[in-house]
Amino acid sequence: MYFTRGDIVHLIHEPHETALAASVAARLRDNGIAADRRTAVSVETVPDHVARRLDQTARDHLRIIDTQPVENDERVFISYAREDEPEARLFHLALLREGMFTSFDQSETSCGILASEDWMEWIFRRLSSCWALACFFSEAAKVSTFVNHELGFFLERMKRHNVPCIFVLPHEINVDALRSSNARIIEFYKMSATQAACAFIEEMARFFGVRENDQSVEPST
């Protein structure tokens, strides 16, 4: 892999690799390449109080969804586990190229940010107003505290509003249970990011009953 001046490189490393990652980041910056470092945080290290605050914030937002709708230009919320960030980022960029704005949080690897009220407000406001949820479904996502909170919140919202949850598979995985429940699934690992983005938008269109000659995908009021 080659990097050129102006590129941005994100280095995710284990705690014991801090010195090495700092050295690599410094070398990249010396060559005009922006680089940042993030320490990987496993789901087992997420503090209980963070999960409790996520629960409370979600409940608070669910109570006001029907009475205080939130206007938002970000049509698709992308939920993903840290391990699936490369695929989720490619998907996010592909949706943008197709004219579909997204909510793509890039702070999942920082427990300090996750614990903040501002971050939780950001998450649940967008989950309350997006047109669709793109849930990256993988083995890592199954055990991700944050993916499970986001998915659970959105499924509760689906009971109140006609909005779709579409599962995106970054890797091959058994999805018999999803298929048996007629879940909408995009097999990202079998196609390019652009193809996956187009397939996702087509799924949204089918869900909302958009005809081929319509100019936009939009939920009915």
N, C-alpha and C. Protein backbone atom coordinates (compact mmCIF):
# COMPACT_ATOMS: atom_id res chain seq x y z
N MET A 1 0.85 -1.19 0.00
CA MET A 1 0.00 0.00 0.00
C MET A 1 0.88 1.24 0.00
N TYR A 2 0.51 2.23 -0.83
CA TYR A 2 1.30 3.44 -0.93
C TYR A 2 0.47 4.64 -0.49
N PHE A 3 1.12 5.57 0.23
CA PHE A 3 0.48 6.80 0.65
C PHE A 3 1.18 7.97 0.00
N THR A 4 0.42 9.01 -0.31
CA THR A 4 0.99 10.20 -0.91
C THR A 4 0.66 11.41 -0.05
N ARG A 5 1.38 12.49 -0.29
CA ARG A 5 1.18 13.73 0.47
C ARG A 5 -0.29 14.15 0.38
N GLY A 6 -0.87 14.49 1.52
CA GLY A 6 -2.27 14.89 1.57
C GLY A 6 -3.20 13.79 2.05
N ASP A 7 -2.72 12.54 2.05
CA ASP A 7 -3.54 11.44 2.56
C ASP A 7 -3.71 11.55 4.07
N ILE A 8 -4.75 10.90 4.59
CA ILE A 8 -4.98 10.83 6.03
C ILE A 8 -4.95 9.36 6.44
N VAL A 9 -4.11 9.03 7.41
CA VAL A 9 -3.96 7.64 7.86
C VAL A 9 -4.39 7.54 9.32
N HIS A 10 -5.26 6.58 9.62
CA HIS A 10 -5.69 6.34 10.99
C HIS A 10 -5.02 5.07 11.50
N LEU A 11 -4.26 5.19 12.58
CA LEU A 11 -3.55 4.04 13.15
C LEU A 11 -4.28 3.57 14.40
N ILE A 12 -4.82 2.35 14.37
CA ILE A 12 -5.48 1.77 15.54
C ILE A 12 -4.57 0.69 16.09
N HIS A 13 -4.20 0.82 17.35
CA HIS A 13 -3.19 -0.07 17.92
C HIS A 13 -3.57 -0.53 19.32
N GLU A 14 -2.97 -1.60 19.75
CA GLU A 14 -3.16 -2.10 21.11
C GLU A 14 -2.34 -1.23 22.07
N PRO A 15 -2.70 -1.20 23.36
CA PRO A 15 -1.98 -0.37 24.31
C PRO A 15 -0.48 -0.61 24.34
N HIS A 16 -0.05 -1.86 24.18
CA HIS A 16 1.38 -2.15 24.26
C HIS A 16 2.14 -1.73 22.99
N GLU A 17 1.40 -1.28 21.96
CA GLU A 17 2.03 -0.86 20.72
C GLU A 17 2.10 0.65 20.58
N THR A 18 1.90 1.39 21.68
CA THR A 18 1.84 2.84 21.63
C THR A 18 3.11 3.46 21.07
N ALA A 19 4.26 3.02 21.55
CA ALA A 19 5.54 3.60 21.11
C ALA A 19 5.76 3.38 19.62
N LEU A 20 5.49 2.17 19.15
CA LEU A 20 5.65 1.86 17.73
C LEU A 20 4.71 2.70 16.88
N ALA A 21 3.45 2.80 17.30
CA ALA A 21 2.47 3.57 16.54
C ALA A 21 2.85 5.05 16.49
N ALA A 22 3.39 5.57 17.60
CA ALA A 22 3.83 6.97 17.64
C ALA A 22 4.97 7.20 16.65
N SER A 23 5.88 6.23 16.56
CA SER A 23 7.00 6.34 15.64
C SER A 23 6.53 6.34 14.19
N VAL A 24 5.59 5.44 13.88
CA VAL A 24 5.04 5.37 12.52
C VAL A 24 4.30 6.65 12.16
N ALA A 25 3.50 7.16 13.09
CA ALA A 25 2.75 8.39 12.85
C ALA A 25 3.69 9.56 12.60
N ALA A 26 4.77 9.64 13.37
CA ALA A 26 5.75 10.72 13.19
C ALA A 26 6.40 10.64 11.82
N ARG A 27 6.76 9.42 11.39
CA ARG A 27 7.38 9.25 10.08
C ARG A 27 6.42 9.67 8.96
N LEU A 28 5.15 9.33 9.10
CA LEU A 28 4.16 9.71 8.10
C LEU A 28 4.01 11.23 8.04
N ARG A 29 3.94 11.86 9.22
CA ARG A 29 3.77 13.32 9.25
C ARG A 29 4.98 14.02 8.66
N ASP A 30 6.18 13.46 8.86
CA ASP A 30 7.39 14.03 8.28
C ASP A 30 7.33 14.04 6.75
N ASN A 31 6.52 13.15 6.19
CA ASN A 31 6.39 13.05 4.74
C ASN A 31 5.11 13.70 4.22
N GLY A 32 4.53 14.55 5.07
CA GLY A 32 3.37 15.31 4.64
C GLY A 32 2.06 14.54 4.66
N ILE A 33 2.02 13.43 5.39
CA ILE A 33 0.81 12.61 5.45
C ILE A 33 0.21 12.72 6.84
N ALA A 34 -1.04 13.18 6.92
CA ALA A 34 -1.69 13.34 8.22
C ALA A 34 -1.93 11.97 8.84
N ALA A 35 -1.67 11.86 10.13
CA ALA A 35 -1.86 10.58 10.83
C ALA A 35 -2.34 10.83 12.24
N ASP A 36 -3.28 10.01 12.69
CA ASP A 36 -3.68 10.06 14.09
C ASP A 36 -3.66 8.65 14.66
N ARG A 37 -3.59 8.56 15.99
CA ARG A 37 -3.47 7.27 16.66
C ARG A 37 -4.63 7.07 17.60
N ARG A 38 -5.15 5.84 17.66
CA ARG A 38 -6.22 5.50 18.59
C ARG A 38 -5.90 4.16 19.23
N THR A 39 -6.04 4.08 20.52
CA THR A 39 -5.85 2.81 21.20
C THR A 39 -7.11 1.99 21.10
N ALA A 40 -6.97 0.75 20.67
CA ALA A 40 -8.13 -0.13 20.54
C ALA A 40 -8.74 -0.40 21.91
N VAL A 41 -10.06 -0.36 21.99
CA VAL A 41 -10.77 -0.64 23.23
C VAL A 41 -11.71 -1.81 22.98
N SER A 42 -11.51 -2.91 23.66
CA SER A 42 -12.38 -4.07 23.46
C SER A 42 -13.69 -3.85 24.21
N VAL A 43 -14.73 -4.59 23.81
CA VAL A 43 -16.03 -4.39 24.44
C VAL A 43 -15.99 -4.76 25.92
N GLU A 44 -15.08 -5.63 26.29
CA GLU A 44 -15.01 -6.04 27.69
C GLU A 44 -14.55 -4.91 28.61
N THR A 45 -13.88 -3.87 28.03
CA THR A 45 -13.36 -2.79 28.86
C THR A 45 -14.33 -1.62 28.99
N VAL A 46 -15.50 -1.71 28.36
CA VAL A 46 -16.46 -0.61 28.44
C VAL A 46 -17.04 -0.56 29.86
N PRO A 47 -16.91 0.58 30.54
CA PRO A 47 -17.41 0.67 31.92
C PRO A 47 -18.93 0.48 32.00
N ASP A 48 -19.38 -0.11 33.07
CA ASP A 48 -20.82 -0.33 33.25
C ASP A 48 -21.59 0.99 33.25
N HIS A 49 -20.98 2.04 33.82
CA HIS A 49 -21.72 3.30 33.92
C HIS A 49 -21.98 3.90 32.54
N VAL A 50 -21.12 3.60 31.56
CA VAL A 50 -21.34 4.08 30.19
C VAL A 50 -22.59 3.41 29.62
N ALA A 51 -22.69 2.09 29.79
CA ALA A 51 -23.85 1.36 29.29
C ALA A 51 -25.13 1.85 29.96
N ARG A 52 -25.05 2.13 31.26
CA ARG A 52 -26.25 2.61 31.97
C ARG A 52 -26.68 3.97 31.45
N ARG A 53 -25.71 4.84 31.18
CA ARG A 53 -26.06 6.17 30.67
C ARG A 53 -26.59 6.09 29.25
N LEU A 54 -26.07 5.16 28.46
CA LEU A 54 -26.62 4.93 27.12
C LEU A 54 -28.08 4.50 27.22
N ASP A 55 -28.35 3.57 28.14
CA ASP A 55 -29.72 3.10 28.34
C ASP A 55 -30.65 4.26 28.69
N GLN A 56 -30.23 5.09 29.65
CA GLN A 56 -31.08 6.18 30.11
C GLN A 56 -31.31 7.20 29.01
N THR A 57 -30.25 7.55 28.28
CA THR A 57 -30.38 8.51 27.19
C THR A 57 -31.32 7.99 26.11
N ALA A 58 -31.19 6.70 25.80
CA ALA A 58 -32.08 6.10 24.79
C ALA A 58 -33.54 6.18 25.24
N ARG A 59 -33.79 5.85 26.50
CA ARG A 59 -35.17 5.90 27.00
C ARG A 59 -35.72 7.32 26.94
N ASP A 60 -34.88 8.31 27.30
CA ASP A 60 -35.32 9.70 27.26
C ASP A 60 -35.70 10.12 25.85
N HIS A 61 -34.89 9.71 24.86
CA HIS A 61 -35.17 10.10 23.48
C HIS A 61 -36.39 9.38 22.92
N LEU A 62 -36.58 8.14 23.29
CA LEU A 62 -37.76 7.41 22.80
C LEU A 62 -39.04 8.07 23.29
N ARG A 63 -38.99 8.69 24.46
CA ARG A 63 -40.18 9.32 25.00
C ARG A 63 -40.56 10.58 24.23
N ILE A 64 -39.59 11.23 23.56
CA ILE A 64 -39.91 12.50 22.90
C ILE A 64 -39.97 12.38 21.37
N ILE A 65 -39.71 11.19 20.82
CA ILE A 65 -39.71 11.03 19.36
C ILE A 65 -41.02 11.52 18.74
N ASP A 66 -42.15 11.08 19.26
CA ASP A 66 -43.43 11.39 18.64
C ASP A 66 -43.87 12.83 18.84
N THR A 67 -43.35 13.49 19.87
CA THR A 67 -43.80 14.85 20.16
C THR A 67 -42.82 15.92 19.68
N GLN A 68 -41.53 15.57 19.53
CA GLN A 68 -40.53 16.55 19.12
C GLN A 68 -39.64 15.97 18.02
N PRO A 69 -40.15 15.88 16.78
CA PRO A 69 -39.33 15.33 15.70
C PRO A 69 -38.10 16.20 15.45
N VAL A 70 -37.00 15.55 15.10
CA VAL A 70 -35.74 16.25 14.87
C VAL A 70 -35.46 16.29 13.36
N GLU A 71 -35.27 17.50 12.82
CA GLU A 71 -34.93 17.64 11.41
C GLU A 71 -33.44 17.35 11.23
N ASN A 72 -33.09 16.59 10.21
CA ASN A 72 -31.71 16.18 10.03
C ASN A 72 -31.45 15.87 8.56
N ASP A 73 -30.37 16.40 8.00
CA ASP A 73 -30.03 16.14 6.60
C ASP A 73 -29.33 14.80 6.43
N GLU A 74 -28.93 14.18 7.52
CA GLU A 74 -28.22 12.91 7.43
C GLU A 74 -29.26 11.78 7.36
N ARG A 75 -29.40 11.20 6.17
CA ARG A 75 -30.51 10.28 5.91
C ARG A 75 -30.26 8.87 6.44
N VAL A 76 -28.99 8.44 6.46
CA VAL A 76 -28.67 7.06 6.85
C VAL A 76 -27.74 7.07 8.06
N PHE A 77 -28.13 6.35 9.10
CA PHE A 77 -27.26 6.19 10.26
C PHE A 77 -26.50 4.88 10.11
N ILE A 78 -25.17 4.94 10.17
CA ILE A 78 -24.35 3.74 10.02
C ILE A 78 -23.88 3.28 11.39
N SER A 79 -24.32 2.09 11.77
CA SER A 79 -23.93 1.51 13.06
C SER A 79 -22.94 0.38 12.79
N TYR A 80 -21.80 0.41 13.48
CA TYR A 80 -20.76 -0.59 13.20
C TYR A 80 -19.88 -0.81 14.41
N ALA A 81 -19.25 -1.97 14.47
CA ALA A 81 -18.27 -2.26 15.51
C ALA A 81 -16.91 -1.74 15.07
N ARG A 82 -16.04 -1.47 16.04
CA ARG A 82 -14.71 -0.94 15.73
C ARG A 82 -13.98 -1.79 14.70
N GLU A 83 -14.11 -3.10 14.81
CA GLU A 83 -13.39 -3.99 13.90
C GLU A 83 -13.84 -3.85 12.45
N ASP A 84 -15.05 -3.31 12.25
CA ASP A 84 -15.60 -3.18 10.90
C ASP A 84 -15.49 -1.75 10.36
N GLU A 85 -14.71 -0.90 11.02
CA GLU A 85 -14.63 0.50 10.60
C GLU A 85 -14.12 0.66 9.17
N PRO A 86 -13.12 -0.09 8.70
CA PRO A 86 -12.66 0.13 7.31
C PRO A 86 -13.79 -0.07 6.29
N GLU A 87 -14.57 -1.12 6.45
CA GLU A 87 -15.68 -1.37 5.53
C GLU A 87 -16.78 -0.32 5.69
N ALA A 88 -17.07 0.04 6.93
CA ALA A 88 -18.11 1.05 7.18
C ALA A 88 -17.72 2.39 6.59
N ARG A 89 -16.44 2.74 6.67
CA ARG A 89 -15.97 4.01 6.11
C ARG A 89 -16.12 4.02 4.58
N LEU A 90 -15.75 2.91 3.93
CA LEU A 90 -15.90 2.82 2.47
C LEU A 90 -17.36 2.96 2.08
N PHE A 91 -18.24 2.33 2.84
CA PHE A 91 -19.68 2.39 2.58
C PHE A 91 -20.19 3.82 2.75
N HIS A 92 -19.76 4.47 3.82
CA HIS A 92 -20.12 5.86 4.09
C HIS A 92 -19.72 6.76 2.92
N LEU A 93 -18.49 6.63 2.45
CA LEU A 93 -18.01 7.46 1.34
C LEU A 93 -18.77 7.16 0.05
N ALA A 94 -19.09 5.89 -0.16
CA ALA A 94 -19.84 5.52 -1.37
C ALA A 94 -21.25 6.10 -1.35
N LEU A 95 -21.90 6.09 -0.18
CA LEU A 95 -23.22 6.69 -0.07
C LEU A 95 -23.16 8.19 -0.35
N LEU A 96 -22.12 8.85 0.16
CA LEU A 96 -21.97 10.29 -0.10
C LEU A 96 -21.83 10.56 -1.59
N ARG A 97 -21.06 9.72 -2.28
CA ARG A 97 -20.89 9.91 -3.73
C ARG A 97 -22.22 9.73 -4.47
N GLU A 98 -23.12 8.95 -3.91
CA GLU A 98 -24.43 8.75 -4.52
C GLU A 98 -25.44 9.80 -4.07
N GLY A 99 -24.97 10.79 -3.29
CA GLY A 99 -25.84 11.87 -2.86
C GLY A 99 -26.66 11.58 -1.62
N MET A 100 -26.28 10.53 -0.88
CA MET A 100 -27.02 10.16 0.32
C MET A 100 -26.18 10.51 1.55
N PHE A 101 -26.59 11.54 2.30
CA PHE A 101 -25.85 11.96 3.47
C PHE A 101 -26.01 10.94 4.60
N THR A 102 -24.95 10.78 5.39
CA THR A 102 -24.96 9.76 6.44
C THR A 102 -24.54 10.34 7.79
N SER A 103 -24.93 9.63 8.84
CA SER A 103 -24.39 9.85 10.17
C SER A 103 -23.35 8.76 10.40
N PHE A 104 -22.10 9.14 10.39
CA PHE A 104 -21.02 8.17 10.52
C PHE A 104 -20.12 8.59 11.66
N ASP A 105 -20.34 8.00 12.83
CA ASP A 105 -19.54 8.34 14.01
C ASP A 105 -18.17 7.69 13.91
N GLN A 106 -17.12 8.48 14.13
CA GLN A 106 -15.77 7.95 14.04
C GLN A 106 -15.05 7.94 15.38
N SER A 107 -15.81 7.96 16.48
CA SER A 107 -15.18 8.08 17.80
C SER A 107 -15.36 6.84 18.66
N GLU A 108 -15.76 5.69 18.05
CA GLU A 108 -16.10 4.52 18.86
C GLU A 108 -14.91 4.00 19.65
N THR A 109 -13.69 4.28 19.21
CA THR A 109 -12.54 3.71 19.91
C THR A 109 -12.10 4.56 21.09
N SER A 110 -12.83 5.62 21.39
CA SER A 110 -12.45 6.47 22.53
C SER A 110 -13.51 6.38 23.62
N CYS A 111 -13.16 5.71 24.70
CA CYS A 111 -14.14 5.53 25.78
C CYS A 111 -14.50 6.86 26.43
N GLY A 112 -13.53 7.80 26.44
CA GLY A 112 -13.80 9.11 27.02
C GLY A 112 -14.90 9.84 26.27
N ILE A 113 -14.88 9.76 24.93
CA ILE A 113 -15.92 10.39 24.13
C ILE A 113 -17.24 9.66 24.31
N LEU A 114 -17.18 8.34 24.37
CA LEU A 114 -18.40 7.56 24.50
C LEU A 114 -19.13 7.89 25.80
N ALA A 115 -18.38 8.24 26.83
CA ALA A 115 -19.00 8.49 28.13
C ALA A 115 -19.62 9.88 28.22
N SER A 116 -19.38 10.74 27.23
CA SER A 116 -19.85 12.11 27.32
C SER A 116 -21.31 12.23 26.93
N GLU A 117 -22.00 13.18 27.57
CA GLU A 117 -23.39 13.44 27.25
C GLU A 117 -23.53 13.95 25.82
N ASP A 118 -22.57 14.76 25.35
CA ASP A 118 -22.64 15.30 23.99
C ASP A 118 -22.64 14.18 22.97
N TRP A 119 -21.80 13.16 23.19
CA TRP A 119 -21.74 12.06 22.24
C TRP A 119 -23.06 11.29 22.22
N MET A 120 -23.60 11.00 23.39
CA MET A 120 -24.85 10.26 23.44
C MET A 120 -26.00 11.05 22.82
N GLU A 121 -25.99 12.37 23.05
CA GLU A 121 -27.01 13.23 22.44
C GLU A 121 -26.89 13.18 20.93
N TRP A 122 -25.67 13.21 20.42
CA TRP A 122 -25.41 13.15 18.97
C TRP A 122 -25.98 11.86 18.39
N ILE A 123 -25.69 10.73 19.06
CA ILE A 123 -26.13 9.42 18.58
C ILE A 123 -27.65 9.34 18.53
N PHE A 124 -28.31 9.63 19.63
CA PHE A 124 -29.75 9.37 19.69
C PHE A 124 -30.57 10.41 18.94
N ARG A 125 -30.07 11.63 18.81
CA ARG A 125 -30.77 12.60 17.97
C ARG A 125 -30.79 12.13 16.53
N ARG A 126 -29.69 11.60 16.05
CA ARG A 126 -29.63 11.15 14.66
C ARG A 126 -30.39 9.85 14.45
N LEU A 127 -30.35 8.96 15.42
CA LEU A 127 -31.15 7.74 15.31
C LEU A 127 -32.64 8.07 15.34
N SER A 128 -32.99 9.19 15.97
CA SER A 128 -34.39 9.59 16.07
C SER A 128 -34.91 10.20 14.78
N SER A 129 -34.01 10.66 13.89
CA SER A 129 -34.46 11.41 12.73
C SER A 129 -33.99 10.86 11.39
N CYS A 130 -33.11 9.86 11.39
CA CYS A 130 -32.63 9.33 10.11
C CYS A 130 -33.75 8.59 9.39
N TRP A 131 -33.57 8.41 8.09
CA TRP A 131 -34.56 7.69 7.29
C TRP A 131 -34.35 6.19 7.33
N ALA A 132 -33.12 5.77 7.61
CA ALA A 132 -32.82 4.33 7.61
C ALA A 132 -31.59 4.06 8.46
N LEU A 133 -31.53 2.84 9.00
CA LEU A 133 -30.35 2.40 9.74
C LEU A 133 -29.59 1.38 8.90
N ALA A 134 -28.30 1.62 8.69
CA ALA A 134 -27.41 0.63 8.07
C ALA A 134 -26.63 -0.03 9.20
N CYS A 135 -27.02 -1.24 9.56
CA CYS A 135 -26.38 -1.93 10.67
C CYS A 135 -25.37 -2.93 10.12
N PHE A 136 -24.08 -2.64 10.32
CA PHE A 136 -23.03 -3.56 9.89
C PHE A 136 -23.05 -4.76 10.83
N PHE A 137 -23.46 -5.90 10.28
CA PHE A 137 -23.69 -7.10 11.09
C PHE A 137 -22.51 -8.06 10.92
N SER A 138 -21.84 -8.35 12.02
CA SER A 138 -20.66 -9.22 12.00
C SER A 138 -20.53 -9.88 13.37
N GLU A 139 -19.55 -10.77 13.49
CA GLU A 139 -19.31 -11.38 14.81
C GLU A 139 -18.93 -10.30 15.82
N ALA A 140 -18.15 -9.31 15.39
CA ALA A 140 -17.77 -8.22 16.30
C ALA A 140 -18.99 -7.40 16.69
N ALA A 141 -19.89 -7.15 15.74
CA ALA A 141 -21.08 -6.36 16.03
C ALA A 141 -22.00 -7.06 17.03
N LYS A 142 -22.04 -8.38 16.97
CA LYS A 142 -22.91 -9.13 17.88
C LYS A 142 -22.57 -8.85 19.34
N VAL A 143 -21.29 -8.61 19.64
CA VAL A 143 -20.87 -8.42 21.03
C VAL A 143 -20.52 -6.96 21.32
N SER A 144 -20.81 -6.07 20.39
CA SER A 144 -20.52 -4.65 20.60
C SER A 144 -21.62 -4.00 21.44
N THR A 145 -21.25 -3.44 22.57
CA THR A 145 -22.21 -2.75 23.43
C THR A 145 -22.92 -1.65 22.66
N PHE A 146 -22.18 -0.92 21.86
CA PHE A 146 -22.73 0.26 21.20
C PHE A 146 -23.61 -0.09 20.01
N VAL A 147 -23.22 -1.09 19.23
CA VAL A 147 -24.08 -1.53 18.13
C VAL A 147 -25.40 -2.05 18.69
N ASN A 148 -25.34 -2.81 19.77
CA ASN A 148 -26.56 -3.35 20.36
C ASN A 148 -27.47 -2.27 20.91
N HIS A 149 -26.89 -1.22 21.50
CA HIS A 149 -27.71 -0.11 21.98
C HIS A 149 -28.35 0.64 20.82
N GLU A 150 -27.56 0.90 19.78
CA GLU A 150 -28.08 1.64 18.63
C GLU A 150 -29.16 0.85 17.91
N LEU A 151 -28.92 -0.45 17.70
CA LEU A 151 -29.90 -1.29 17.04
C LEU A 151 -31.17 -1.40 17.88
N GLY A 152 -31.01 -1.61 19.19
CA GLY A 152 -32.17 -1.72 20.06
C GLY A 152 -33.01 -0.46 20.06
N PHE A 153 -32.35 0.70 20.09
CA PHE A 153 -33.06 1.98 20.04
C PHE A 153 -33.85 2.11 18.75
N PHE A 154 -33.19 1.77 17.62
CA PHE A 154 -33.85 1.94 16.33
C PHE A 154 -35.02 0.98 16.17
N LEU A 155 -34.87 -0.25 16.66
CA LEU A 155 -35.98 -1.21 16.58
C LEU A 155 -37.19 -0.71 17.37
N GLU A 156 -36.94 -0.04 18.49
CA GLU A 156 -38.04 0.55 19.25
C GLU A 156 -38.68 1.67 18.44
N ARG A 157 -37.86 2.46 17.76
CA ARG A 157 -38.40 3.54 16.93
C ARG A 157 -39.24 2.98 15.78
N MET A 158 -38.83 1.81 15.23
CA MET A 158 -39.57 1.20 14.12
C MET A 158 -40.99 0.83 14.51
N LYS A 159 -41.24 0.64 15.80
CA LYS A 159 -42.59 0.33 16.26
C LYS A 159 -43.50 1.55 16.13
N ARG A 160 -42.89 2.76 16.07
CA ARG A 160 -43.65 4.00 16.01
C ARG A 160 -43.68 4.60 14.61
N HIS A 161 -42.61 4.34 13.83
CA HIS A 161 -42.49 4.98 12.53
C HIS A 161 -42.14 3.98 11.44
N ASN A 162 -42.51 4.33 10.23
CA ASN A 162 -42.27 3.47 9.07
C ASN A 162 -40.88 3.75 8.51
N VAL A 163 -39.87 3.19 9.17
CA VAL A 163 -38.47 3.39 8.76
C VAL A 163 -37.77 2.03 8.72
N PRO A 164 -36.84 1.83 7.77
CA PRO A 164 -36.23 0.51 7.63
C PRO A 164 -34.88 0.36 8.33
N CYS A 165 -34.64 -0.85 8.81
CA CYS A 165 -33.31 -1.26 9.28
C CYS A 165 -32.78 -2.23 8.23
N ILE A 166 -31.63 -1.91 7.65
CA ILE A 166 -31.04 -2.75 6.61
C ILE A 166 -29.69 -3.25 7.10
N PHE A 167 -29.51 -4.55 7.14
CA PHE A 167 -28.28 -5.14 7.64
C PHE A 167 -27.24 -5.23 6.51
N VAL A 168 -26.05 -4.75 6.79
CA VAL A 168 -24.95 -4.78 5.82
C VAL A 168 -23.91 -5.76 6.33
N LEU A 169 -23.53 -6.73 5.52
CA LEU A 169 -22.59 -7.76 5.95
C LEU A 169 -21.19 -7.44 5.43
N PRO A 170 -20.27 -6.99 6.31
CA PRO A 170 -18.91 -6.70 5.86
C PRO A 170 -18.11 -7.95 5.58
N HIS A 171 -18.49 -9.07 6.20
CA HIS A 171 -17.82 -10.35 6.01
C HIS A 171 -18.88 -11.45 5.91
N GLU A 172 -18.49 -12.59 5.40
CA GLU A 172 -19.42 -13.71 5.32
C GLU A 172 -19.75 -14.19 6.73
N ILE A 173 -21.02 -14.39 7.00
CA ILE A 173 -21.47 -14.78 8.34
C ILE A 173 -22.82 -15.47 8.20
N ASN A 174 -23.14 -16.36 9.11
CA ASN A 174 -24.42 -17.05 9.07
C ASN A 174 -25.54 -16.06 9.44
N VAL A 175 -26.47 -15.88 8.53
CA VAL A 175 -27.58 -14.94 8.77
C VAL A 175 -28.93 -15.64 8.61
N ASP A 176 -28.97 -16.94 8.87
CA ASP A 176 -30.22 -17.68 8.73
C ASP A 176 -31.32 -17.07 9.58
N ALA A 177 -30.96 -16.65 10.79
CA ALA A 177 -31.97 -16.06 11.69
C ALA A 177 -32.52 -14.76 11.11
N LEU A 178 -31.64 -13.95 10.52
CA LEU A 178 -32.09 -12.70 9.91
C LEU A 178 -32.99 -12.98 8.71
N ARG A 179 -32.58 -13.93 7.89
CA ARG A 179 -33.37 -14.24 6.69
C ARG A 179 -34.74 -14.80 7.07
N SER A 180 -34.79 -15.57 8.14
CA SER A 180 -36.07 -16.15 8.55
C SER A 180 -37.04 -15.08 9.03
N SER A 181 -36.50 -13.94 9.43
CA SER A 181 -37.36 -12.84 9.88
C SER A 181 -37.59 -11.82 8.76
N ASN A 182 -37.21 -12.19 7.53
CA ASN A 182 -37.39 -11.33 6.35
C ASN A 182 -36.64 -10.01 6.47
N ALA A 183 -35.50 -10.04 7.15
CA ALA A 183 -34.69 -8.83 7.28
C ALA A 183 -34.11 -8.44 5.92
N ARG A 184 -33.91 -7.15 5.72
CA ARG A 184 -33.29 -6.65 4.50
C ARG A 184 -31.78 -6.73 4.66
N ILE A 185 -31.09 -7.37 3.72
CA ILE A 185 -29.67 -7.66 3.86
C ILE A 185 -28.91 -7.24 2.60
N ILE A 186 -27.76 -6.57 2.81
CA ILE A 186 -26.84 -6.22 1.73
C ILE A 186 -25.54 -6.98 1.99
N GLU A 187 -25.11 -7.80 1.04
CA GLU A 187 -23.88 -8.58 1.21
C GLU A 187 -22.69 -7.77 0.70
N PHE A 188 -22.23 -6.88 1.54
CA PHE A 188 -21.16 -5.95 1.19
C PHE A 188 -19.90 -6.70 0.73
N TYR A 189 -19.60 -7.81 1.38
CA TYR A 189 -18.36 -8.53 1.11
C TYR A 189 -18.32 -9.14 -0.29
N LYS A 190 -19.47 -9.18 -0.97
CA LYS A 190 -19.53 -9.76 -2.31
C LYS A 190 -19.45 -8.71 -3.42
N MET A 191 -19.38 -7.44 -3.06
CA MET A 191 -19.46 -6.39 -4.07
C MET A 191 -18.57 -5.21 -3.72
N SER A 192 -18.48 -4.26 -4.61
CA SER A 192 -17.72 -3.05 -4.33
C SER A 192 -18.53 -2.14 -3.42
N ALA A 193 -17.87 -1.16 -2.83
CA ALA A 193 -18.57 -0.23 -1.94
C ALA A 193 -19.66 0.54 -2.71
N THR A 194 -19.36 0.91 -3.94
CA THR A 194 -20.34 1.64 -4.77
C THR A 194 -21.55 0.76 -5.04
N GLN A 195 -21.32 -0.51 -5.38
CA GLN A 195 -22.43 -1.42 -5.62
C GLN A 195 -23.27 -1.62 -4.36
N ALA A 196 -22.59 -1.70 -3.21
CA ALA A 196 -23.31 -1.87 -1.94
C ALA A 196 -24.16 -0.64 -1.63
N ALA A 197 -23.60 0.54 -1.88
CA ALA A 197 -24.34 1.78 -1.63
C ALA A 197 -25.57 1.86 -2.52
N CYS A 198 -25.42 1.52 -3.80
CA CYS A 198 -26.55 1.54 -4.72
C CYS A 198 -27.61 0.51 -4.32
N ALA A 199 -27.15 -0.67 -3.90
CA ALA A 199 -28.09 -1.70 -3.45
C ALA A 199 -28.84 -1.24 -2.21
N PHE A 200 -28.15 -0.54 -1.32
CA PHE A 200 -28.78 -0.03 -0.10
C PHE A 200 -29.86 0.99 -0.45
N ILE A 201 -29.54 1.92 -1.35
CA ILE A 201 -30.50 2.94 -1.74
C ILE A 201 -31.71 2.30 -2.43
N GLU A 202 -31.47 1.27 -3.23
CA GLU A 202 -32.57 0.55 -3.87
C GLU A 202 -33.47 -0.13 -2.84
N GLU A 203 -32.85 -0.67 -1.77
CA GLU A 203 -33.65 -1.27 -0.69
C GLU A 203 -34.51 -0.22 -0.01
N MET A 204 -33.92 0.96 0.23
CA MET A 204 -34.70 2.06 0.81
C MET A 204 -35.87 2.41 -0.09
N ALA A 205 -35.61 2.50 -1.40
CA ALA A 205 -36.66 2.87 -2.35
C ALA A 205 -37.79 1.84 -2.33
N ARG A 206 -37.43 0.56 -2.31
CA ARG A 206 -38.46 -0.48 -2.25
C ARG A 206 -39.28 -0.38 -0.97
N PHE A 207 -38.58 -0.11 0.13
CA PHE A 207 -39.28 -0.01 1.43
C PHE A 207 -40.31 1.12 1.40
N PHE A 208 -39.91 2.27 0.86
CA PHE A 208 -40.80 3.43 0.85
C PHE A 208 -41.73 3.45 -0.36
N GLY A 209 -41.63 2.41 -1.22
CA GLY A 209 -42.53 2.34 -2.36
C GLY A 209 -42.25 3.37 -3.42
N VAL A 210 -40.97 3.72 -3.59
CA VAL A 210 -40.60 4.72 -4.60
C VAL A 210 -40.60 4.08 -5.97
N ARG A 211 -41.24 4.72 -6.96
CA ARG A 211 -41.25 4.23 -8.32
C ARG A 211 -39.99 4.66 -9.06
N GLU A 212 -39.67 3.97 -10.15
CA GLU A 212 -38.42 4.20 -10.87
C GLU A 212 -38.28 5.63 -11.36
N ASN A 213 -39.39 6.29 -11.70
CA ASN A 213 -39.29 7.64 -12.23
C ASN A 213 -39.32 8.71 -11.15
N ASP A 214 -39.42 8.30 -9.90
CA ASP A 214 -39.35 9.28 -8.81
C ASP A 214 -37.93 9.80 -8.66
N GLN A 215 -37.79 11.02 -8.18
CA GLN A 215 -36.49 11.66 -8.11
C GLN A 215 -35.80 11.49 -6.77
N SER A 216 -36.50 11.06 -5.74
CA SER A 216 -35.84 10.97 -4.44
C SER A 216 -36.44 9.83 -3.61
N VAL A 217 -35.67 9.44 -2.62
CA VAL A 217 -36.14 8.46 -1.65
C VAL A 217 -36.50 9.20 -0.38
N GLU A 218 -37.72 9.09 0.05
CA GLU A 218 -38.15 9.86 1.23
C GLU A 218 -39.28 9.13 1.92
N PRO A 219 -39.22 9.02 3.25
CA PRO A 219 -40.31 8.36 3.97
C PRO A 219 -41.60 9.16 3.89
N SER A 220 -42.71 8.47 3.84
CA SER A 220 -44.00 9.17 3.81
C SER A 220 -44.32 9.71 5.18
N THR A 221 -45.05 10.79 5.22
CA THR A 221 -45.40 11.42 6.51
C THR A 221 -46.73 10.91 7.00
